[in-house]
C-alpha atoms as a PDB file:
ATOM      1  CA  MET A   1       0.035  -0.223   0.074  1.00  0.00           C
ATOM      2  CA  ARG A   2       1.677   3.498  -1.366  1.00  0.00           C
ATOM      3  CA  GLY A   3       1.373   6.430   1.522  1.00  0.00           C
ATOM      4  CA  PRO A   4      -0.419   9.481   0.947  1.00  0.00           C
ATOM      5  CA  ARG A   5       3.211  11.322   0.456  1.00  0.00           C
ATOM      6  CA  GLN A   6       3.048   9.060  -3.146  1.00  0.00           C
ATOM      7  CA  PHE A   7       0.006  10.402  -4.256  1.00  0.00           C
ATOM      8  CA  GLU A   8      -0.348  12.568  -7.031  1.00  0.00           C
ATOM      9  CA  ASN A   9      -2.421  16.024  -6.749  1.00  0.00           C
ATOM     10  CA  PRO A  10      -3.714  14.915  -3.195  1.00  0.00           C
ATOM     11  CA  SER A  11      -6.370  17.768  -2.108  1.00  0.00           C
ATOM     12  CA  CYS A  12      -4.375  18.796   0.617  1.00  0.00           C
ATOM     13  CA  ALA A  13      -1.134  19.709  -0.860  1.00  0.00           C
ATOM     14  CA  GLN A  14      -3.021  23.067  -1.516  1.00  0.00           C
ATOM     15  CA  ILE A  15      -3.504  23.595   2.436  1.00  0.00           C
ATOM     16  CA  SER A  16      -1.239  23.563   5.654  1.00  0.00           C
ATOM     17  CA  LEU A  17      -1.032  19.831   6.331  1.00  0.00           C
ATOM     18  CA  ASP A  18      -1.561  21.029  10.738  1.00  0.00           C
ATOM     19  CA  LEU A  19      -5.073  21.846   9.779  1.00  0.00           C
ATOM     20  CA  PHE A  20      -5.339  18.179   9.628  1.00  0.00           C
ATOM     21  CA  PHE A  21      -4.282  17.683  12.889  1.00  0.00           C
ATOM     22  CA  PRO A  22      -6.199  19.945  15.138  1.00  0.00           C
ATOM     23  CA  GLU A  23      -5.687  20.074  18.966  1.00  0.00           C
ATOM     24  CA  ARG A  24      -8.540  19.161  21.600  1.00  0.00           C
ATOM     25  CA  GLY A  25     -11.672  21.520  21.162  1.00  0.00           C
ATOM     26  CA  GLU A  26     -10.509  22.788  17.401  1.00  0.00           C
ATOM     27  CA  GLU A  27     -13.927  24.503  16.448  1.00  0.00           C
ATOM     28  CA  LEU A  28     -16.081  22.190  14.263  1.00  0.00           C
ATOM     29  CA  CYS A  29     -15.983  24.170  11.500  1.00  0.00           C
ATOM     30  CA  VAL A  30     -12.596  23.539  10.774  1.00  0.00           C
ATOM     31  CA  ILE A  31     -12.736  20.331  11.009  1.00  0.00           C
ATOM     32  CA  ARG A  32     -15.595  20.163   8.918  1.00  0.00           C
ATOM     33  CA  GLN A  33     -14.042  22.154   6.745  1.00  0.00           C
ATOM     34  CA  ILE A  34     -10.898  19.782   6.116  1.00  0.00           C
ATOM     35  CA  LYS A  35     -13.218  16.713   6.119  1.00  0.00           C
ATOM     36  CA  LYS A  36     -14.525  18.707   2.597  1.00  0.00           C
ATOM     37  CA  VAL A  37     -11.445  18.636   1.386  1.00  0.00           C
ATOM     38  CA  CYS A  38     -10.910  15.375   2.046  1.00  0.00           C
ATOM     39  CA  GLY A  39     -14.145  14.865   0.028  1.00  0.00           C
ATOM     40  CA  LEU A  40     -12.844  16.364  -3.164  1.00  0.00           C
ATOM     41  CA  CYS A  41     -10.037  14.329  -3.251  1.00  0.00           C
ATOM     42  CA  PRO A  42      -9.101  12.012  -5.934  1.00  0.00           C
ATOM     43  CA  HIS A  43      -7.832   9.930  -3.213  1.00  0.00           C
ATOM     44  CA  GLN A  44     -10.068  10.025  -0.432  1.00  0.00           C
ATOM     45  CA  GLN A  45     -10.365   6.446  -0.038  1.00  0.00           C
ATOM     46  CA  GLU A  46      -6.724   5.367  -0.115  1.00  0.00           C
ATOM     47  CA  CYS A  47      -6.149   8.008   2.110  1.00  0.00           C
ATOM     48  CA  ALA A  48      -8.581   6.833   4.490  1.00  0.00           C
ATOM     49  CA  GLU A  49      -7.560   2.996   4.647  1.00  0.00           C
ATOM     50  CA  TRP A  50      -4.073   4.366   5.016  1.00  0.00           C
ATOM     51  CA  GLY A  51      -5.421   6.040   7.878  1.00  0.00           C
ATOM     52  CA  ILE A  52      -6.884   3.177   9.602  1.00  0.00           C
ATOM     53  CA  GLN A  53      -3.614   0.966   8.887  1.00  0.00           C
ATOM     54  CA  ASN A  54      -1.217   3.395  10.292  1.00  0.00           C
ATOM     55  CA  GLU A  55      -2.300   6.610  11.711  1.00  0.00           C
ATOM     56  CA  ARG A  56      -3.380   7.608  15.330  1.00  0.00           C
ATOM     57  CA  TYR A  57      -3.880  11.253  15.079  1.00  0.00           C
ATOM     58  CA  GLY A  58      -6.026  13.535  12.498  1.00  0.00           C
ATOM     59  CA  ILE A  59      -7.531  13.361   9.702  1.00  0.00           C
ATOM     60  CA  TRP A  60      -6.647  11.077   7.196  1.00  0.00           C
ATOM     61  CA  GLY A  61      -9.607  10.557   3.969  1.00  0.00           C
ATOM     62  CA  GLY A  62     -11.992  12.479   5.526  1.00  0.00           C
ATOM     63  CA  LEU A  63     -11.978  10.354   8.764  1.00  0.00           C
ATOM     64  CA  SER A  64     -10.744  11.839  12.585  1.00  0.00           C
ATOM     65  CA  ASP A  65      -9.361   9.694  14.678  1.00  0.00           C
ATOM     66  CA  ALA A  66     -12.291   8.416  16.824  1.00  0.00           C
ATOM     67  CA  GLU A  67     -13.846   7.374  13.743  1.00  0.00           C
ATOM     68  CA  ARG A  68     -10.783   5.610  12.422  1.00  0.00           C
ATOM     69  CA  ARG A  69     -10.870   4.004  15.600  1.00  0.00           C
ATOM     70  CA  VAL A  70     -13.610   2.552  15.145  1.00  0.00           C
ATOM     71  CA  ILE A  71     -13.687   0.831  12.013  1.00  0.00           C
ATOM     72  CA  ARG A  72     -10.105  -0.287  13.280  1.00  0.00           C
ATOM     73  CA  LYS A  73     -12.195  -2.059  16.230  1.00  0.00           C
ATOM     74  CA  GLN A  74     -14.725  -3.321  14.103  1.00  0.00           C
ATOM     75  CA  ARG A  75     -12.221  -4.911  12.031  1.00  0.00           C
ATOM     76  CA  ASN A  76      -9.440  -6.562  14.812  1.00  0.00           C
ATOM     77  CA  ILE A  77      -6.821  -3.910  13.194  1.00  0.00           C
ATOM     78  CA  ILE A  78      -4.466  -3.287  16.017  1.00  0.00           C
ATOM     79  CA  LEU A  79      -1.799  -0.460  15.559  1.00  0.00           C
ATOM     80  CA  ARG A  80       1.289  -0.802  16.387  1.00  0.00           C
ATOM     81  CA  GLU A  81       1.409   1.776  19.106  1.00  0.00           C
ATOM     82  CA  GLU A  82      -1.700   0.158  20.536  1.00  0.00           C
ATOM     83  CA  GLU A  83      -0.373  -2.752  20.859  1.00  0.00           C
ATOM     84  CA  VAL A  84       2.405  -1.793  23.724  1.00  0.00           C
ATOM     85  CA  ALA A  85      -0.528   0.843  25.188  1.00  0.00           C
END
């Protein structure tokens, strides 16, 4: 599986990547805007899957860390960091 850095012209390349890692309590409207950017990206599904398989934090393919956690639980996927914790 290729990583997001290998995607051709992803929508997120046009804005600050810091926005994809919102702080706790970040404005919901900002998070919605970022998810909209993901929704317009031709790599959304591939990026979301990358996030599910590899990323604990941030918004990946329009999925928040909490949303990815639910999917991982449904699929019995354990991230390396979670194995130790």
